[in-house]
């Protein structure tokens, strides 16, 4: 998901991995996901961004 300003610069490289990646903040809020996650799950990132992962 490009253009997310909340994502720390240091973490942006993880979005280029060939595995499904979700990047969260310390409170488990979803900051970004990569395209492989979208392809694998069929869920668009715009639906997930800002929501929290269930524990």
N, C-alpha and C. Protein backbone atom coordinates (compact mmCIF):
# COMPACT_ATOMS: atom_id res chain seq x y z
N UNK A 1 0.86 -1.17 0.00
CA UNK A 1 0.00 0.00 0.00
C UNK A 1 0.90 1.23 0.00
N UNK A 2 0.94 1.91 -1.06
CA UNK A 2 1.81 3.07 -1.16
C UNK A 2 1.12 4.32 -0.64
N UNK A 3 1.96 5.24 -0.12
CA UNK A 3 1.44 6.52 0.29
C UNK A 3 0.98 6.59 1.74
N UNK A 4 1.28 5.59 2.53
CA UNK A 4 0.90 5.63 3.94
C UNK A 4 1.98 6.37 4.72
N UNK A 5 1.68 7.53 5.25
CA UNK A 5 2.66 8.34 5.96
C UNK A 5 2.92 7.84 7.37
N UNK A 6 2.05 7.00 7.90
CA UNK A 6 2.22 6.52 9.27
C UNK A 6 3.28 5.43 9.37
N UNK A 7 3.71 4.87 8.26
CA UNK A 7 4.68 3.78 8.27
C UNK A 7 6.09 4.32 8.46
N UNK A 8 6.80 3.87 9.51
CA UNK A 8 8.18 4.30 9.70
C UNK A 8 9.05 3.89 8.50
N UNK A 9 9.92 4.75 8.09
CA UNK A 9 10.78 4.52 6.94
C UNK A 9 11.55 3.20 7.06
N UNK A 10 12.00 2.87 8.26
CA UNK A 10 12.80 1.68 8.50
C UNK A 10 12.05 0.39 8.17
N UNK A 11 10.74 0.44 8.15
CA UNK A 11 9.94 -0.76 7.93
C UNK A 11 9.48 -0.93 6.48
N UNK A 12 9.66 0.09 5.67
CA UNK A 12 9.15 0.07 4.30
C UNK A 12 9.73 -1.08 3.48
N UNK A 13 10.97 -1.47 3.72
CA UNK A 13 11.59 -2.56 2.97
C UNK A 13 10.89 -3.89 3.14
N UNK A 14 10.25 -4.10 4.28
CA UNK A 14 9.56 -5.36 4.53
C UNK A 14 8.37 -5.55 3.57
N UNK A 15 7.83 -4.47 3.07
CA UNK A 15 6.70 -4.56 2.15
C UNK A 15 7.11 -5.12 0.79
N UNK A 16 8.40 -5.18 0.52
CA UNK A 16 8.90 -5.70 -0.75
C UNK A 16 9.16 -7.20 -0.70
N UNK A 17 9.01 -7.82 0.45
CA UNK A 17 9.26 -9.25 0.59
C UNK A 17 8.27 -10.07 -0.23
N UNK A 18 8.66 -11.26 -0.60
CA UNK A 18 7.81 -12.16 -1.36
C UNK A 18 6.87 -12.97 -0.50
N UNK A 19 6.77 -12.63 0.77
CA UNK A 19 5.83 -13.27 1.69
C UNK A 19 4.75 -12.28 2.07
N UNK A 20 3.64 -12.79 2.57
CA UNK A 20 2.57 -11.92 3.04
C UNK A 20 3.03 -11.20 4.30
N UNK A 21 2.94 -9.87 4.30
CA UNK A 21 3.44 -9.07 5.42
C UNK A 21 2.36 -8.09 5.87
N UNK A 22 2.18 -8.03 7.20
CA UNK A 22 1.35 -7.01 7.83
C UNK A 22 2.26 -6.26 8.78
N UNK A 23 2.26 -4.95 8.72
CA UNK A 23 3.04 -4.14 9.65
C UNK A 23 2.06 -3.44 10.59
N UNK A 24 2.29 -3.63 11.89
CA UNK A 24 1.40 -3.06 12.90
C UNK A 24 2.18 -2.11 13.81
N UNK A 25 1.42 -1.29 14.53
CA UNK A 25 2.04 -0.45 15.55
C UNK A 25 2.05 -1.23 16.87
N UNK A 26 2.51 -0.60 17.93
CA UNK A 26 2.64 -1.28 19.22
C UNK A 26 1.30 -1.69 19.82
N UNK A 27 0.23 -1.09 19.34
CA UNK A 27 -1.11 -1.43 19.83
C UNK A 27 -1.84 -2.38 18.88
N UNK A 28 -1.11 -2.97 17.92
CA UNK A 28 -1.63 -3.93 16.96
C UNK A 28 -2.55 -3.30 15.91
N UNK A 29 -2.45 -1.99 15.74
CA UNK A 29 -3.17 -1.33 14.66
C UNK A 29 -2.43 -1.56 13.35
N UNK A 30 -3.14 -1.90 12.30
CA UNK A 30 -2.51 -2.20 11.03
C UNK A 30 -2.11 -0.91 10.33
N UNK A 31 -0.79 -0.78 10.08
CA UNK A 31 -0.25 0.40 9.41
C UNK A 31 -0.16 0.20 7.91
N UNK A 32 0.18 -1.02 7.50
CA UNK A 32 0.33 -1.29 6.08
C UNK A 32 0.40 -2.79 5.86
N UNK A 33 0.11 -3.21 4.63
CA UNK A 33 0.28 -4.60 4.22
C UNK A 33 0.91 -4.56 2.83
N UNK A 34 1.49 -5.68 2.43
CA UNK A 34 2.08 -5.69 1.09
C UNK A 34 1.15 -6.36 0.08
N UNK A 35 1.53 -6.25 -1.18
CA UNK A 35 0.67 -6.78 -2.25
C UNK A 35 0.53 -8.29 -2.17
N UNK A 36 1.54 -8.97 -1.64
CA UNK A 36 1.47 -10.43 -1.52
C UNK A 36 0.42 -10.84 -0.49
N UNK A 37 0.27 -10.04 0.53
CA UNK A 37 -0.79 -10.31 1.51
C UNK A 37 -2.15 -10.18 0.83
N UNK A 38 -2.31 -9.15 0.06
CA UNK A 38 -3.58 -8.95 -0.65
C UNK A 38 -3.87 -10.11 -1.60
N UNK A 39 -2.86 -10.55 -2.34
CA UNK A 39 -3.04 -11.66 -3.27
C UNK A 39 -3.36 -12.96 -2.54
N UNK A 40 -2.67 -13.22 -1.46
CA UNK A 40 -2.84 -14.46 -0.71
C UNK A 40 -4.20 -14.54 -0.05
N UNK A 41 -4.65 -13.44 0.55
CA UNK A 41 -5.90 -13.46 1.31
C UNK A 41 -7.10 -13.01 0.50
N UNK A 42 -6.85 -12.26 -0.56
CA UNK A 42 -7.95 -11.71 -1.33
C UNK A 42 -8.60 -10.50 -0.67
N UNK A 43 -7.97 -9.99 0.37
CA UNK A 43 -8.50 -8.83 1.11
C UNK A 43 -7.72 -7.59 0.69
N UNK A 44 -8.43 -6.56 0.29
CA UNK A 44 -7.79 -5.30 -0.08
C UNK A 44 -7.26 -4.59 1.16
N UNK A 45 -6.09 -4.00 1.03
CA UNK A 45 -5.46 -3.30 2.15
C UNK A 45 -6.28 -2.15 2.68
N UNK A 46 -7.03 -1.50 1.81
CA UNK A 46 -7.84 -0.37 2.25
C UNK A 46 -8.89 -0.78 3.26
N UNK A 47 -9.30 -2.04 3.24
CA UNK A 47 -10.27 -2.55 4.21
C UNK A 47 -9.62 -2.72 5.57
N UNK A 48 -8.35 -3.09 5.59
CA UNK A 48 -7.65 -3.41 6.83
C UNK A 48 -6.95 -2.24 7.51
N UNK A 49 -6.47 -1.29 6.72
CA UNK A 49 -5.67 -0.21 7.28
C UNK A 49 -6.43 0.54 8.36
N UNK A 50 -5.76 0.70 9.49
CA UNK A 50 -6.36 1.40 10.63
C UNK A 50 -7.10 0.48 11.59
N UNK A 51 -7.43 -0.74 11.16
CA UNK A 51 -8.10 -1.66 12.07
C UNK A 51 -7.06 -2.36 12.95
N UNK A 52 -7.52 -3.07 13.95
CA UNK A 52 -6.61 -3.77 14.87
C UNK A 52 -6.69 -5.26 14.66
N UNK A 53 -5.54 -5.92 14.86
CA UNK A 53 -5.52 -7.37 14.81
C UNK A 53 -6.16 -7.92 16.07
N UNK A 54 -6.93 -8.95 15.91
CA UNK A 54 -7.53 -9.62 17.08
C UNK A 54 -6.46 -10.44 17.76
N UNK A 55 -6.55 -10.52 19.09
CA UNK A 55 -5.56 -11.34 19.79
C UNK A 55 -6.14 -12.66 20.19
